[in-house]
């Protein structure tokens, strides 16, 4: 028996008991006549005590322990004189009677503590050590709990978990596929699924009217903090439902998860907002509603005073920052540089200080009188003490820049608290988006998204105006998931493929298996997919999903621990009938 208890469960109720613990040496403290060792396992830390007077040999042995040695200790539980009430075991310690070194450790490349001295790349290389840190371990445990609660809830409302294949057919829409060459079928390739979209629709045709799975998905796209080449999603589909049924069902899931994992209750329904409203007032289809600062369109209000920047602009919009009229010139200059960054692209920032005494000053006093500026303030519902910030230019680009400025101000003013959550359904997205380079429409979600019924007649005559019967769940400015009511009518699906530029032959080549299935009675159906990793990271109070994945990849898509991706042998390439191009692959 390596242990009778874990390092996280002993307390004063165990006083006087003989116990055996096993774990890793967190740290050792030599205080002359006494030596203290913190022993750590997955469950916590327990202090071991060695006394030079009562057992000098054992004490000398303990003093030779290095960090991360794996040891087994036996002894008696006793009350600590210097209690540490910050940890569950902090009232007791082990009067150690015997110690065994189970394995020695080299000096770790970074400290295995919450505030480590290791950089991210180093920690990812030695991820198995990083996972020993309490905060990272807790993230993985939260991920486990999240998965269990998802399964509990979905099972309780009649959903069946069904696994779908990982090797599937490549499709042309969406992100870039990861492909896998077939040895048995030379010259052909599988694709790793970006989503089980068509497969879950086939399950609806098969009569499994409530399906879900926690599934791995793969997308070969540029990475960032909340994106990995392989990620997990909660994939769901339902039959004989309309949009309202789907939103109510998965709003229930969201409320359940917040209650179980954060003890947060949402009594009211989640907010809803159209895509059009989100873009007009927040410049984003995933607005952060933890704070206000809605945009005001002042294009017509500011024109006609000889200020060519505004007079020539397609759009002028502004935000009002409450209580910020005392912002210094340096602070405003910082904001100006922020919006001028290449990734944001604004040409400049116009500001108006509305003083607490009612005076009003701006960066364009040469063109606008105090009376003019008061009209601006009234149109933006500003009060004395507020700061008005305006951007202008191309409508789409300016809305995007204003969105970034709004988020920056929200962060600077402490309005984006990690422990506050405001869920929102964004609905009525455009069905299609025009690609200027290819001169054709693309599906904004995917080719199987149904138009809103009242817009169906516009699909051929005016496709750009058609709204999708689609929805996204947004929490705190993060798209947690999205979905749609699907097209189940073969005639409408054929219309959709036609608008997207697919010939009948191309549609059959890519999606013939689904179109054929629809010939045998497809029920009305729809679904949603939630970003599992993103949702867990949000509940854990962090922006990056990497610390909630056991073995993540870096921003270049590399696993620096496994040194992957890597080259394969010439023999493997030959078996796969592959010849690599490029100067490095002669």
Protein backbone atom coordinates (compact mmCIF):
# COMPACT_ATOMS: atom_id res chain seq x y z
CA UNK A 1 0.00 0.00 0.00
CA UNK A 2 1.61 3.25 -1.15
CA UNK A 3 -0.81 5.44 0.79
CA UNK A 4 -3.70 5.30 3.21
CA UNK A 5 -4.76 8.89 2.54
CA UNK A 6 -4.15 11.63 0.00
CA UNK A 7 -2.26 14.84 0.74
CA UNK A 8 -5.46 16.86 0.74
CA UNK A 9 -7.82 15.06 3.10
CA UNK A 10 -6.32 14.95 6.60
CA UNK A 11 -7.56 17.32 9.32
CA UNK A 12 -8.00 17.49 13.09
CA UNK A 13 -10.50 14.61 12.95
CA UNK A 14 -7.55 12.37 12.01
CA UNK A 15 -5.37 13.48 14.94
CA UNK A 16 -3.47 10.55 16.43
CA UNK A 17 -3.95 8.25 13.44
CA UNK A 18 -1.09 6.37 11.80
CA UNK A 19 -1.07 7.25 8.09
CA UNK A 20 0.95 6.67 4.93
CA UNK A 21 1.23 9.42 2.30
CA UNK A 22 2.89 9.45 -1.12
CA UNK A 23 3.60 12.37 -3.40
CA UNK A 24 6.09 14.91 -4.70
CA UNK A 25 8.31 17.17 -2.60
CA UNK A 26 6.99 20.71 -3.09
CA UNK A 27 9.61 22.34 -0.88
CA UNK A 28 11.83 21.59 2.12
CA UNK A 29 12.72 23.95 4.99
CA UNK A 30 15.68 23.25 7.27
CA UNK A 31 15.33 25.10 10.60
CA UNK A 32 18.27 23.58 12.48
CA UNK A 33 16.76 21.09 14.86
CA UNK A 34 13.68 20.59 12.69
CA UNK A 35 13.09 19.97 9.00
CA UNK A 36 9.71 20.55 7.33
CA UNK A 37 8.77 19.05 3.97
CA UNK A 38 5.64 19.97 2.01
CA UNK A 39 4.38 16.83 0.28
CA UNK A 40 2.08 17.38 -2.71
CA UNK A 41 -0.23 15.22 -4.77
CA UNK A 42 -3.25 15.98 -6.96
CA UNK A 43 -5.43 16.55 -3.90
CA UNK A 44 -3.35 19.04 -1.91
CA UNK A 45 -0.32 19.53 0.35
CA UNK A 46 0.49 18.05 3.74
CA UNK A 47 3.41 19.10 5.93
CA UNK A 48 5.84 16.40 7.09
CA UNK A 49 7.94 17.04 10.20
CA UNK A 50 11.39 15.58 10.96
CA UNK A 51 13.03 16.10 14.39
CA UNK A 52 16.83 15.99 14.74
CA UNK A 53 16.61 15.18 18.45
CA UNK A 54 14.26 12.18 18.19
CA UNK A 55 15.52 10.72 14.87
CA UNK A 56 18.62 12.43 13.50
CA UNK A 57 19.19 9.86 10.74
CA UNK A 58 15.69 10.32 9.35
CA UNK A 59 16.05 14.10 9.58
CA UNK A 60 19.37 14.00 7.71
CA UNK A 61 17.73 11.86 5.03
CA UNK A 62 14.89 14.37 4.63
CA UNK A 63 17.37 17.23 4.23
CA UNK A 64 18.72 15.58 1.10
CA UNK A 65 15.35 15.66 -0.67
CA UNK A 66 15.28 17.73 -3.82
CA UNK A 67 12.25 19.42 -5.32
CA UNK A 68 9.93 16.97 -7.10
CA UNK A 69 11.43 13.86 -5.48
CA UNK A 70 8.70 11.20 -5.25
CA UNK A 71 8.55 9.92 -1.67
CA UNK A 72 6.46 7.81 0.66
CA UNK A 73 6.12 8.88 4.29
CA UNK A 74 4.51 7.18 7.25
CA UNK A 75 3.84 8.67 10.65
CA UNK A 76 1.25 10.01 13.06
CA UNK A 77 -1.15 12.92 12.50
CA UNK A 78 -0.74 15.70 15.05
CA UNK A 79 -1.91 19.28 15.53
CA UNK A 80 0.30 21.99 14.05
CA UNK A 81 1.57 24.73 16.31
CA UNK A 82 1.81 27.27 13.45
CA UNK A 83 -1.41 26.63 11.58
CA UNK A 84 -1.89 27.55 7.91
CA UNK A 85 -5.61 28.11 7.48
CA UNK A 86 -5.22 28.88 3.77
CA UNK A 87 -5.10 25.16 2.96
CA UNK A 88 -7.50 22.35 4.06
CA UNK A 89 -4.70 20.41 5.80
CA UNK A 90 -3.22 23.47 7.49
CA UNK A 91 -4.23 22.53 11.04
CA UNK A 92 -2.27 19.27 11.09
CA UNK A 93 1.14 17.83 10.21
CA UNK A 94 2.70 14.37 10.08
CA UNK A 95 5.23 13.42 12.77
CA UNK A 96 7.23 11.34 10.33
CA UNK A 97 8.54 7.95 11.46
CA UNK A 98 9.67 6.42 8.16
CA UNK A 99 10.47 7.75 4.70
CA UNK A 100 11.14 6.01 1.38
CA UNK A 101 12.39 7.66 -1.80
CA UNK A 102 10.30 6.16 -4.61
CA UNK A 103 12.01 8.17 -7.34
CA UNK A 104 14.52 10.98 -7.58
CA UNK A 105 14.06 14.06 -9.75
CA UNK A 106 16.44 16.31 -11.61
CA UNK A 107 16.12 20.00 -10.84
CA UNK A 108 12.98 21.09 -12.75
CA UNK A 109 13.43 23.76 -15.47
CA UNK A 110 10.98 26.05 -13.64
CA UNK A 111 9.38 26.21 -10.20
CA UNK A 112 6.28 24.06 -9.78
CA UNK A 113 4.28 26.78 -8.08
CA UNK A 114 1.28 28.93 -8.93
CA UNK A 115 3.48 31.96 -9.61
CA UNK A 116 6.11 30.13 -11.64
CA UNK A 117 9.29 31.57 -13.16
CA UNK A 118 8.79 29.60 -16.38
CA UNK A 119 7.75 31.28 -19.64
CA UNK A 120 4.88 29.86 -21.67
CA UNK A 121 7.05 28.14 -24.31
CA UNK A 122 9.19 26.47 -21.62
CA UNK A 123 6.14 25.36 -19.68
CA UNK A 124 4.57 23.90 -22.83
CA UNK A 125 7.76 21.95 -23.58
CA UNK A 126 7.57 20.42 -20.10
CA UNK A 127 3.79 20.35 -19.94
CA UNK A 128 3.75 17.27 -17.70
CA UNK A 129 5.53 19.42 -15.08
CA UNK A 130 3.31 22.44 -15.71
CA UNK A 131 0.26 20.26 -15.05
CA UNK A 132 1.53 19.67 -11.51
CA UNK A 133 0.96 23.35 -10.68
CA UNK A 134 -2.20 23.75 -8.62
CA UNK A 135 -3.81 26.42 -10.81
CA UNK A 136 -3.28 24.46 -14.04
CA UNK A 137 -4.41 21.22 -12.39
CA UNK A 138 -7.56 22.99 -11.18
CA UNK A 139 -8.26 24.13 -14.75
CA UNK A 140 -8.16 20.54 -15.99
CA UNK A 141 -10.41 19.42 -13.14
CA UNK A 142 -12.86 22.21 -14.02
CA UNK A 143 -12.84 20.92 -17.60
CA UNK A 144 -13.66 17.43 -16.31
CA UNK A 145 -16.51 18.74 -14.14
CA UNK A 146 -17.86 20.77 -17.04
CA UNK A 147 -17.96 17.70 -19.29
CA UNK A 148 -19.74 15.64 -16.63
CA UNK A 149 -22.37 18.32 -16.04
CA UNK A 150 -23.01 18.68 -19.78
CA UNK A 151 -23.63 14.96 -20.03
CA UNK A 152 -25.87 14.93 -16.95
CA UNK A 153 -28.07 17.72 -18.28
CA UNK A 154 -28.29 16.47 -21.85
CA UNK A 155 -29.16 12.97 -20.66
CA UNK A 156 -31.82 14.38 -18.31
CA UNK A 157 -33.69 15.98 -21.23
CA UNK A 158 -33.56 12.93 -23.50
CA UNK A 159 -30.48 13.53 -25.66
CA UNK A 160 -28.41 10.55 -26.85
CA UNK A 161 -24.62 10.80 -27.15
CA UNK A 162 -23.49 9.38 -30.50
CA UNK A 163 -19.88 9.28 -31.71
CA UNK A 164 -19.22 10.27 -35.31
CA UNK A 165 -16.18 9.42 -37.50
CA UNK A 166 -12.89 11.33 -37.32
CA UNK A 167 -11.87 10.40 -40.88
CA UNK A 168 -14.44 11.95 -43.22
CA UNK A 169 -14.82 13.63 -46.62
CA UNK A 170 -13.28 17.04 -47.33
CA UNK A 171 -15.74 19.86 -48.06
CA UNK A 172 -14.94 23.15 -49.81
CA UNK A 173 -16.81 25.56 -47.53
CA UNK A 174 -15.57 26.93 -44.20
CA UNK A 175 -12.02 26.89 -42.85
CA UNK A 176 -9.13 24.94 -44.36
CA UNK A 177 -9.24 21.19 -43.72
CA UNK A 178 -6.55 19.03 -42.20
CA UNK A 179 -6.21 16.12 -44.65
CA UNK A 180 -4.98 12.55 -44.18
CA UNK A 181 -3.64 10.55 -47.14
CA UNK A 182 -5.04 7.06 -47.66
CA UNK A 183 -2.50 4.24 -48.12
CA UNK A 184 -5.14 1.79 -49.34
CA UNK A 185 -6.70 4.21 -51.84
CA UNK A 186 -3.64 5.90 -53.48
CA UNK A 187 -4.11 9.55 -54.39
CA UNK A 188 -7.14 10.03 -52.15
CA UNK A 189 -7.47 11.80 -48.83
CA UNK A 190 -9.62 11.84 -45.75
CA UNK A 191 -10.32 15.10 -43.94
CA UNK A 192 -10.46 15.60 -40.20
CA UNK A 193 -13.88 17.08 -39.34
CA UNK A 194 -14.20 20.82 -38.83
CA UNK A 195 -17.58 19.89 -37.35
CA UNK A 196 -19.83 16.81 -37.57
CA UNK A 197 -22.38 19.01 -39.34
CA UNK A 198 -23.56 16.69 -42.11
CA UNK A 199 -23.24 13.63 -39.88
CA UNK A 200 -25.54 15.00 -37.21
CA UNK A 201 -28.05 15.91 -39.91
CA UNK A 202 -27.90 12.31 -41.09
CA UNK A 203 -28.65 11.21 -37.52
CA UNK A 204 -31.81 13.31 -37.70
CA UNK A 205 -32.78 11.55 -40.93
CA UNK A 206 -32.09 8.29 -39.08
CA UNK A 207 -34.64 9.22 -36.41
CA UNK A 208 -32.35 10.03 -33.47
CA UNK A 209 -34.28 13.19 -32.76
CA UNK A 210 -32.06 14.41 -29.89
CA UNK A 211 -28.33 13.97 -30.47
CA UNK A 212 -25.25 15.40 -28.78
CA UNK A 213 -21.59 14.65 -28.32
CA UNK A 214 -18.49 16.30 -26.88
CA UNK A 215 -16.39 15.99 -30.00
CA UNK A 216 -12.92 16.85 -31.29
CA UNK A 217 -12.88 19.18 -34.31
CA UNK A 218 -10.00 20.34 -36.49
CA UNK A 219 -9.43 23.55 -38.45
CA UNK A 220 -6.23 24.54 -40.22
CA UNK A 221 -6.38 28.27 -39.56
CA UNK A 222 -4.32 30.98 -37.89
CA UNK A 223 -4.21 30.62 -34.14
CA UNK A 224 -4.78 32.94 -31.18
CA UNK A 225 -5.47 32.72 -27.45
CA UNK A 226 -8.96 31.23 -27.88
CA UNK A 227 -8.22 29.05 -30.91
CA UNK A 228 -6.36 25.76 -31.36
CA UNK A 229 -5.94 23.57 -34.47
CA UNK A 230 -7.80 20.84 -32.59
CA UNK A 231 -10.54 21.83 -30.22
CA UNK A 232 -13.63 20.41 -28.56
CA UNK A 233 -17.23 21.39 -29.01
CA UNK A 234 -20.58 20.39 -27.58
CA UNK A 235 -22.35 19.36 -30.76
CA UNK A 236 -26.15 19.11 -30.66
CA UNK A 237 -29.06 18.55 -33.03
CA UNK A 238 -32.85 18.22 -32.59
CA UNK A 239 -35.75 17.22 -34.86
CA UNK A 240 -39.28 18.57 -35.16
CA UNK A 241 -38.29 21.92 -33.68
CA UNK A 242 -38.35 25.60 -34.55
CA UNK A 243 -35.83 28.23 -33.50
CA UNK A 244 -37.63 29.04 -30.27
CA UNK A 245 -37.50 25.39 -29.16
CA UNK A 246 -33.74 25.27 -29.74
CA UNK A 247 -32.99 28.55 -27.95
CA UNK A 248 -35.07 27.55 -24.93
CA UNK A 249 -33.45 24.11 -24.73
CA UNK A 250 -29.87 25.35 -24.79
CA UNK A 251 -30.54 28.41 -22.70
CA UNK A 252 -31.54 25.82 -20.12
CA UNK A 253 -28.17 24.11 -20.55
CA UNK A 254 -26.37 27.44 -20.07
CA UNK A 255 -28.29 28.28 -16.90
CA UNK A 256 -27.66 24.79 -15.52
CA UNK A 257 -23.88 25.00 -16.13
CA UNK A 258 -23.57 28.43 -14.53
CA UNK A 259 -25.47 27.21 -11.48
CA UNK A 260 -23.56 23.96 -11.07
CA UNK A 261 -20.07 25.31 -11.75
CA UNK A 262 -20.18 28.92 -10.53
CA UNK A 263 -23.32 28.98 -8.36
CA UNK A 264 -24.73 31.78 -10.53
CA UNK A 265 -28.46 31.84 -11.21
CA UNK A 266 -30.13 33.54 -14.16
CA UNK A 267 -33.80 34.06 -13.38
CA UNK A 268 -34.60 36.10 -16.46
CA UNK A 269 -34.36 34.88 -20.05
CA UNK A 270 -31.09 35.58 -21.84
CA UNK A 271 -31.08 38.86 -23.76
CA UNK A 272 -31.69 38.78 -27.51
CA UNK A 273 -30.41 41.15 -30.18
CA UNK A 274 -30.51 41.14 -33.96
CA UNK A 275 -27.28 41.06 -35.93
CA UNK A 276 -28.21 44.42 -37.44
CA UNK A 277 -28.61 46.03 -34.01
CA UNK A 278 -25.38 44.49 -32.73
CA UNK A 279 -23.40 45.91 -35.65
CA UNK A 280 -25.08 49.32 -35.52
CA UNK A 281 -24.64 49.92 -31.80
CA UNK A 282 -21.57 47.83 -30.93
CA UNK A 283 -19.72 47.29 -34.23
CA UNK A 284 -19.51 43.56 -33.52
CA UNK A 285 -21.67 40.47 -33.85
CA UNK A 286 -20.46 39.44 -30.39
CA UNK A 287 -20.97 42.54 -28.24
CA UNK A 288 -19.80 42.64 -24.63
CA UNK A 289 -22.83 43.81 -22.66
CA UNK A 290 -21.20 43.96 -19.24
CA UNK A 291 -21.12 47.74 -19.80
CA UNK A 292 -22.83 50.38 -21.94
CA UNK A 293 -21.18 52.88 -24.32
CA UNK A 294 -23.47 52.12 -27.24
CA UNK A 295 -22.49 53.91 -30.42
CA UNK A 296 -24.34 57.01 -31.58
CA UNK A 297 -24.50 57.80 -35.30
CA UNK A 298 -23.78 61.55 -35.47
CA UNK A 299 -23.01 61.70 -39.19
CA UNK A 300 -25.69 64.28 -39.99
CA UNK A 301 -25.27 66.16 -36.69
CA UNK A 302 -21.60 67.04 -37.33
CA UNK A 303 -21.71 67.88 -41.02
CA UNK A 304 -21.75 71.30 -42.66
CA UNK A 305 -19.23 73.18 -40.50
CA UNK A 306 -16.26 73.03 -42.86
CA UNK A 307 -14.46 70.16 -41.11
CA UNK A 308 -13.60 68.07 -44.16
CA UNK A 309 -12.77 64.93 -42.15
CA UNK A 310 -16.41 64.71 -41.07
CA UNK A 311 -17.99 66.29 -44.14
CA UNK A 312 -16.41 63.71 -46.47
CA UNK A 313 -16.96 60.68 -44.24
CA UNK A 314 -19.52 57.99 -45.03
CA UNK A 315 -20.09 57.53 -41.29
CA UNK A 316 -19.28 59.40 -38.07
CA UNK A 317 -19.95 57.59 -34.82
CA UNK A 318 -19.09 58.13 -31.20
CA UNK A 319 -19.14 56.71 -27.71
CA UNK A 320 -19.66 58.48 -24.40
CA UNK A 321 -17.39 57.50 -21.51
CA UNK A 322 -19.11 58.37 -18.24
CA UNK A 323 -17.07 60.42 -15.77
CA UNK A 324 -13.97 60.67 -17.98
CA UNK A 325 -13.91 64.41 -18.76
CA UNK A 326 -10.74 64.78 -16.67
CA UNK A 327 -8.78 62.50 -18.96
CA UNK A 328 -5.37 64.08 -19.55
CA UNK A 329 -3.96 64.92 -22.94
CA UNK A 330 -1.49 62.05 -22.48
CA UNK A 331 -4.35 59.58 -21.92
CA UNK A 332 -6.20 60.84 -24.99
CA UNK A 333 -3.00 60.64 -27.05
CA UNK A 334 -2.64 57.01 -25.94
CA UNK A 335 -6.18 56.30 -27.14
CA UNK A 336 -5.46 58.05 -30.42
CA UNK A 337 -2.40 55.86 -30.98
CA UNK A 338 -4.47 52.84 -30.04
CA UNK A 339 -7.09 53.43 -32.77
CA UNK A 340 -4.33 54.22 -35.28
CA UNK A 341 -2.73 50.81 -34.89
CA UNK A 342 -2.62 48.98 -38.26
CA UNK A 343 -4.94 46.23 -37.05
CA UNK A 344 -7.59 48.86 -36.18
CA UNK A 345 -6.89 51.37 -38.91
CA UNK A 346 -8.58 54.61 -37.79
CA UNK A 347 -6.96 57.82 -39.00
CA UNK A 348 -7.47 59.72 -35.78
CA UNK A 349 -9.67 60.41 -32.78
CA UNK A 350 -11.84 63.48 -32.11
CA UNK A 351 -12.71 64.12 -28.48
CA UNK A 352 -15.02 66.42 -26.51
CA UNK A 353 -14.58 67.06 -22.80
CA UNK A 354 -17.90 67.91 -21.13
CA UNK A 355 -16.72 69.43 -17.85
CA UNK A 356 -18.50 68.93 -14.54
CA UNK A 357 -19.08 72.70 -14.52
CA UNK A 358 -20.86 72.50 -17.88
CA UNK A 359 -17.98 73.88 -19.95
CA UNK A 360 -17.27 72.03 -23.15
CA UNK A 361 -13.92 71.75 -24.97
CA UNK A 362 -12.87 69.69 -27.95
CA UNK A 363 -10.03 68.95 -30.36
CA UNK A 364 -12.05 70.66 -33.14
CA UNK A 365 -12.95 73.99 -31.45
CA UNK A 366 -11.73 75.73 -34.61
CA UNK A 367 -14.71 74.37 -36.54
CA UNK A 368 -17.42 73.93 -33.92
CA UNK A 369 -18.81 76.37 -31.37
CA UNK A 370 -19.68 75.37 -27.78
CA UNK A 371 -23.33 75.40 -28.88
CA UNK A 372 -22.53 72.93 -31.69
CA UNK A 373 -20.71 70.68 -29.25
CA UNK A 374 -23.64 70.83 -26.82
CA UNK A 375 -25.84 69.44 -29.61
CA UNK A 376 -23.35 66.58 -30.04
CA UNK A 377 -23.49 65.92 -26.30
CA UNK A 378 -27.30 65.92 -26.30
CA UNK A 379 -27.45 63.50 -29.24
CA UNK A 380 -25.05 61.15 -27.40
CA UNK A 381 -26.95 61.55 -24.10
CA UNK A 382 -23.82 62.88 -22.39
CA UNK A 383 -23.86 64.47 -18.94
CA UNK A 384 -21.41 66.94 -17.35
CA UNK A 385 -18.25 65.02 -16.47
CA UNK A 386 -18.34 62.78 -19.56
CA UNK A 387 -15.86 62.33 -22.40
CA UNK A 388 -17.08 61.99 -25.98
CA UNK A 389 -14.90 60.16 -28.53
CA UNK A 390 -15.69 60.16 -32.26
CA UNK A 391 -14.29 58.27 -35.25
CA UNK A 392 -15.12 58.70 -38.93
CA UNK A 393 -14.58 57.16 -42.36
CA UNK A 394 -15.86 54.11 -44.21
CA UNK A 395 -18.89 52.83 -42.30
CA UNK A 396 -17.81 49.21 -41.85
CA UNK A 397 -14.21 50.02 -40.90
CA UNK A 398 -15.25 52.81 -38.54
CA UNK A 399 -17.75 50.59 -36.72
CA UNK A 400 -15.02 48.00 -36.25
CA UNK A 401 -12.59 50.64 -34.94
CA UNK A 402 -15.24 52.03 -32.57
CA UNK A 403 -15.82 48.51 -31.29
CA UNK A 404 -12.15 48.16 -30.40
CA UNK A 405 -12.11 51.61 -28.77
CA UNK A 406 -15.20 50.75 -26.74
CA UNK A 407 -13.63 47.52 -25.47
CA UNK A 408 -10.39 49.33 -24.63
CA UNK A 409 -12.28 51.94 -22.62
CA UNK A 410 -14.26 49.18 -20.88
CA UNK A 411 -10.98 47.56 -19.83
CA UNK A 412 -9.39 50.85 -18.73
CA UNK A 413 -12.40 51.72 -16.61
CA UNK A 414 -12.60 48.27 -15.00
CA UNK A 415 -16.00 47.52 -16.52
CA UNK A 416 -15.14 44.05 -17.89
CA UNK A 417 -15.11 42.11 -14.63
CA UNK A 418 -14.26 38.41 -14.94
CA UNK A 419 -16.89 37.44 -12.36
CA UNK A 420 -19.78 39.14 -14.16
CA UNK A 421 -21.58 37.29 -16.96
CA UNK A 422 -24.09 38.70 -19.44
CA UNK A 423 -25.35 36.05 -21.90
CA UNK A 424 -26.89 37.17 -25.18
CA UNK A 425 -28.49 35.46 -28.17
CA UNK A 426 -27.59 37.24 -31.41
CA UNK A 427 -30.18 36.36 -34.07
CA UNK A 428 -31.18 37.18 -37.66
CA UNK A 429 -27.71 37.02 -39.22
CA UNK A 430 -27.36 37.53 -42.97
CA UNK A 431 -27.63 34.18 -44.71
CA UNK A 432 -24.90 35.03 -47.24
CA UNK A 433 -21.84 37.25 -47.56
CA UNK A 434 -20.40 38.53 -50.83
CA UNK A 435 -16.76 37.81 -51.69
CA UNK A 436 -15.43 40.61 -53.88
CA UNK A 437 -12.41 38.62 -55.07
CA UNK A 438 -14.33 35.55 -56.18
CA UNK A 439 -17.40 37.57 -57.19
CA UNK A 440 -19.83 35.18 -55.52
CA UNK A 441 -21.77 34.61 -52.34
CA UNK A 442 -20.55 32.39 -49.53
CA UNK A 443 -22.67 30.96 -46.73
CA UNK A 444 -22.12 33.04 -43.59
CA UNK A 445 -22.57 29.89 -41.47
CA UNK A 446 -22.70 26.85 -43.77
CA UNK A 447 -24.66 25.77 -46.87
CA UNK A 448 -27.32 23.94 -44.85
CA UNK A 449 -28.55 26.96 -42.87
CA UNK A 450 -32.20 27.71 -43.51
CA UNK A 451 -33.40 31.18 -44.47
CA UNK A 452 -35.95 32.84 -42.20
CA UNK A 453 -39.26 31.68 -43.72
CA UNK A 454 -40.47 35.19 -44.61
CA UNK A 455 -37.24 35.86 -46.54
CA UNK A 456 -37.30 32.68 -48.58
CA UNK A 457 -38.81 34.41 -51.63
CA UNK A 458 -35.74 36.69 -51.78
CA UNK A 459 -33.24 33.83 -52.10
CA UNK A 460 -33.09 34.06 -55.89
CA UNK A 461 -34.18 37.67 -56.48
CA UNK A 462 -32.14 39.47 -53.78
CA UNK A 463 -29.88 37.01 -51.89
CA UNK A 464 -28.01 39.72 -49.97
CA UNK A 465 -31.18 40.65 -48.06
CA UNK A 466 -31.99 37.13 -46.90
CA UNK A 467 -31.69 36.59 -43.15
CA UNK A 468 -30.55 33.27 -41.77
CA UNK A 469 -32.61 31.29 -39.29
CA UNK A 470 -29.42 31.26 -37.22
CA UNK A 471 -28.26 32.30 -33.75
CA UNK A 472 -25.10 32.70 -31.71
CA UNK A 473 -24.74 32.54 -27.94
CA UNK A 474 -22.44 35.38 -26.87
CA UNK A 475 -21.18 35.82 -23.31
CA UNK A 476 -19.04 38.81 -22.33
CA UNK A 477 -18.03 39.51 -25.92
CA UNK A 478 -17.04 35.92 -26.65
CA UNK A 479 -18.90 33.74 -29.14
CA UNK A 480 -19.56 30.65 -27.05
CA UNK A 481 -21.46 28.85 -29.77
CA UNK A 482 -23.84 29.09 -32.64
CA UNK A 483 -26.20 27.16 -34.84
CA UNK A 484 -29.23 27.32 -37.05
CA UNK A 485 -32.42 25.71 -38.20
CA UNK A 486 -31.34 23.53 -41.13
CA UNK A 487 -32.70 23.22 -44.64
CA UNK A 488 -34.63 19.96 -44.78
CA UNK A 489 -36.42 20.55 -48.09
CA UNK A 490 -34.47 19.31 -51.13
CA UNK A 491 -35.86 22.10 -53.35
CA UNK A 492 -34.67 24.85 -50.99
CA UNK A 493 -31.29 23.13 -50.61
CA UNK A 494 -30.92 23.06 -54.39
CA UNK A 495 -31.74 26.81 -54.51
CA UNK A 496 -29.10 27.45 -51.86
CA UNK A 497 -26.42 25.55 -53.78
CA UNK A 498 -27.34 27.49 -56.92
CA UNK A 499 -26.90 30.87 -55.16
CA UNK A 500 -23.54 29.66 -53.81
CA UNK A 501 -22.40 28.86 -57.34
CA UNK A 502 -22.51 25.05 -57.13
CA UNK A 503 -23.54 23.16 -60.23
CA UNK A 504 -25.74 20.10 -59.70
CA UNK A 505 -22.70 17.92 -60.38
CA UNK A 506 -20.53 19.78 -57.83
CA UNK A 507 -23.26 19.66 -55.20
CA UNK A 508 -23.70 15.93 -55.71
CA UNK A 509 -19.95 15.32 -55.66
CA UNK A 510 -19.51 17.13 -52.35
CA UNK A 511 -22.80 16.48 -50.56
CA UNK A 512 -24.49 13.68 -52.51
CA UNK A 513 -24.64 11.44 -49.44
CA UNK A 514 -26.71 14.06 -47.58
CA UNK A 515 -28.90 14.98 -50.55
CA UNK A 516 -29.62 11.31 -51.17
CA UNK A 517 -30.56 10.83 -47.52
CA UNK A 518 -32.99 13.73 -47.75
CA UNK A 519 -34.91 11.79 -50.43
CA UNK A 520 -36.02 9.36 -47.74
CA UNK A 521 -37.82 11.76 -45.44
CA UNK A 522 -35.79 14.38 -43.58
CA UNK A 523 -37.58 15.88 -40.55
CA UNK A 524 -37.46 19.61 -39.79
CA UNK A 525 -34.36 19.95 -37.64
CA UNK A 526 -31.81 22.35 -36.22
CA UNK A 527 -29.01 22.51 -33.75
CA UNK A 528 -26.11 24.28 -32.18
CA UNK A 529 -22.44 23.75 -31.38
CA UNK A 530 -20.76 25.32 -28.36
CA UNK A 531 -17.05 25.95 -27.96
CA UNK A 532 -16.28 23.59 -25.09
CA UNK A 533 -12.80 25.01 -24.45
CA UNK A 534 -13.95 28.64 -24.60
CA UNK A 535 -16.82 28.05 -22.20
CA UNK A 536 -14.58 26.29 -19.67
CA UNK A 537 -11.95 29.06 -19.90
CA UNK A 538 -14.62 31.70 -19.31
CA UNK A 539 -15.95 29.88 -16.26
CA UNK A 540 -12.35 29.66 -15.08
CA UNK A 541 -11.98 33.44 -15.41
CA UNK A 542 -9.35 33.40 -18.18
CA UNK A 543 -9.11 34.47 -21.82
CA UNK A 544 -6.76 31.79 -23.16
CA UNK A 545 -8.06 28.27 -23.72
CA UNK A 546 -4.56 26.75 -23.66
CA UNK A 547 -4.41 26.35 -19.87
CA UNK A 548 -7.66 24.38 -19.98
CA UNK A 549 -6.33 21.81 -22.47
CA UNK A 550 -4.04 19.09 -21.10
CA UNK A 551 -1.59 19.17 -24.01
CA UNK A 552 -2.13 22.30 -26.13
CA UNK A 553 -0.21 23.61 -29.13
CA UNK A 554 1.50 26.99 -29.39
CA UNK A 555 0.59 29.91 -31.66
CA UNK A 556 2.42 28.26 -34.56
CA UNK A 557 0.37 25.09 -34.21
CA UNK A 558 3.34 23.16 -32.81
CA UNK A 559 3.39 20.73 -29.93
CA UNK A 560 6.82 21.66 -28.55
CA UNK A 561 6.67 18.80 -26.05
CA UNK A 562 6.21 16.07 -28.70
CA UNK A 563 8.05 18.07 -31.41
CA UNK A 564 5.05 17.81 -33.69
CA UNK A 565 4.34 18.21 -36.58
CA UNK A 566 7.49 16.44 -37.77
CA UNK A 567 8.82 14.86 -40.92
CA UNK A 568 8.07 11.23 -41.73
CA UNK A 569 10.38 8.71 -43.32
CA UNK A 570 10.83 8.16 -47.02
CA UNK A 571 9.37 4.68 -46.61
CA UNK A 572 6.16 6.12 -45.13
CA UNK A 573 5.92 8.66 -47.95
CA UNK A 574 6.35 5.88 -50.49
CA UNK A 575 3.61 3.79 -48.87
CA UNK A 576 1.29 6.81 -49.05
CA UNK A 577 2.24 7.48 -52.69
CA UNK A 578 3.38 11.01 -51.77
CA UNK A 579 6.17 13.09 -53.24
CA UNK A 580 7.03 16.24 -51.32
CA UNK A 581 7.74 19.43 -53.27
CA UNK A 582 9.90 22.40 -52.32
CA UNK A 583 13.67 22.95 -52.11
CA UNK A 584 13.89 21.29 -48.67
CA UNK A 585 12.20 18.11 -49.87
CA UNK A 586 14.20 16.93 -52.90
